[in-house]
């Protein structure tokens, strides 16, 4: 998870928060999407999140891994400062603080 997040930061540094937030939304609701994040649902129920065409993706095998990813993002980005990922995402327009 952290390797993928680091890749997103390095590759999309100016707008990384958008990819991270949309990855969070995609992991919460496992439905195919194609916006900042491309999400593919595999036949076995796993999902693959991709942040752009050159991203090999983050594969989340099941509901437990998706929940773990969501929790990880909340802990890494929100910490004690933001009560929700939505509030964190809105604050990123000005601060860019997710590590």
Protein backbone atom coordinates (compact mmCIF):
# COMPACT_ATOMS: atom_id res chain seq x y z
CA UNK A 1 0.00 0.00 0.00
CA UNK A 2 2.70 2.46 0.97
CA UNK A 3 4.73 1.69 -2.16
CA UNK A 4 1.73 2.53 -4.30
CA UNK A 5 1.02 5.71 -2.31
CA UNK A 6 4.66 6.75 -2.63
CA UNK A 7 4.49 6.12 -6.38
CA UNK A 8 1.37 8.31 -6.61
CA UNK A 9 3.14 11.09 -4.67
CA UNK A 10 6.22 10.89 -6.89
CA UNK A 11 4.37 10.65 -10.18
CA UNK A 12 1.45 13.02 -9.51
CA UNK A 13 2.97 15.25 -6.83
CA UNK A 14 0.91 18.35 -7.60
CA UNK A 15 -2.43 16.57 -7.70
CA UNK A 16 -1.60 13.42 -5.77
CA UNK A 17 -4.32 14.18 -3.25
CA UNK A 18 -6.96 13.76 -5.99
CA UNK A 19 -5.68 10.28 -6.87
CA UNK A 20 -5.47 9.34 -3.20
CA UNK A 21 -8.97 10.59 -2.44
CA UNK A 22 -10.50 8.86 -5.45
CA UNK A 23 -8.60 5.68 -4.52
CA UNK A 24 -10.18 5.96 -1.07
CA UNK A 25 -13.66 6.35 -2.60
CA UNK A 26 -13.10 3.44 -4.98
CA UNK A 27 -11.94 1.12 -2.19
CA UNK A 28 -15.01 1.98 -0.12
CA UNK A 29 -17.40 1.15 -2.98
CA UNK A 30 -15.94 -1.55 -5.21
CA UNK A 31 -17.54 -0.60 -8.50
CA UNK A 32 -15.64 -0.03 -11.73
CA UNK A 33 -14.75 3.61 -12.26
CA UNK A 34 -12.69 5.68 -14.61
CA UNK A 35 -11.92 9.15 -13.28
CA UNK A 36 -8.69 10.12 -11.55
CA UNK A 37 -8.49 6.46 -10.52
CA UNK A 38 -9.23 3.59 -12.83
CA UNK A 39 -10.68 0.72 -10.87
CA UNK A 40 -11.02 -2.71 -12.36
CA UNK A 41 -12.99 -5.46 -10.66
CA UNK A 42 -11.45 -8.83 -11.44
CA UNK A 43 -13.48 -12.05 -11.83
CA UNK A 44 -12.39 -13.28 -8.39
CA UNK A 45 -13.73 -10.10 -6.75
CA UNK A 46 -10.34 -8.43 -6.29
CA UNK A 47 -10.01 -4.80 -7.36
CA UNK A 48 -7.08 -3.05 -9.00
CA UNK A 49 -6.64 0.69 -8.52
CA UNK A 50 -4.56 2.56 -11.09
CA UNK A 51 -3.50 6.20 -11.00
CA UNK A 52 -2.81 6.87 -14.66
CA UNK A 53 -1.79 4.82 -17.66
CA UNK A 54 1.73 4.05 -16.42
CA UNK A 55 0.66 2.74 -13.03
CA UNK A 56 0.92 -1.02 -12.64
CA UNK A 57 -1.72 -0.65 -9.93
CA UNK A 58 -2.58 -1.61 -6.41
CA UNK A 59 -4.41 -4.95 -6.14
CA UNK A 60 -6.75 -5.37 -3.19
CA UNK A 61 -7.72 -9.04 -3.05
CA UNK A 62 -10.90 -8.89 -0.98
CA UNK A 63 -13.16 -6.87 1.31
CA UNK A 64 -10.67 -7.15 4.18
CA UNK A 65 -7.84 -5.67 2.09
CA UNK A 66 -10.07 -2.86 0.83
CA UNK A 67 -11.08 -2.06 4.42
CA UNK A 68 -7.43 -2.16 5.48
CA UNK A 69 -6.53 0.26 2.66
CA UNK A 70 -9.33 2.65 3.65
CA UNK A 71 -8.20 2.55 7.29
CA UNK A 72 -4.59 3.03 6.25
CA UNK A 73 -5.44 6.10 4.18
CA UNK A 74 -7.46 7.60 7.01
CA UNK A 75 -4.61 7.05 9.45
CA UNK A 76 -1.90 8.28 7.09
CA UNK A 77 -3.72 11.33 5.75
CA UNK A 78 -6.21 12.43 8.39
CA UNK A 79 -4.23 11.60 11.52
CA UNK A 80 -5.67 13.68 14.36
CA UNK A 81 -6.07 16.74 12.19
CA UNK A 82 -9.04 15.92 9.92
CA UNK A 83 -12.22 14.08 10.97
CA UNK A 84 -12.80 12.60 7.50
CA UNK A 85 -11.08 11.96 4.20
CA UNK A 86 -13.48 14.43 2.55
CA UNK A 87 -12.30 17.21 4.87
CA UNK A 88 -8.70 16.15 4.27
CA UNK A 89 -9.22 16.28 0.50
CA UNK A 90 -10.74 19.76 0.69
CA UNK A 91 -7.81 20.98 2.80
CA UNK A 92 -5.31 19.66 0.24
CA UNK A 93 -6.35 22.37 -2.17
CA UNK A 94 -4.28 24.64 0.09
CA UNK A 95 -1.85 22.54 2.10
CA UNK A 96 -0.84 19.24 0.41
CA UNK A 97 -0.04 17.41 3.67
CA UNK A 98 -0.55 13.68 3.09
CA UNK A 99 2.79 11.96 3.59
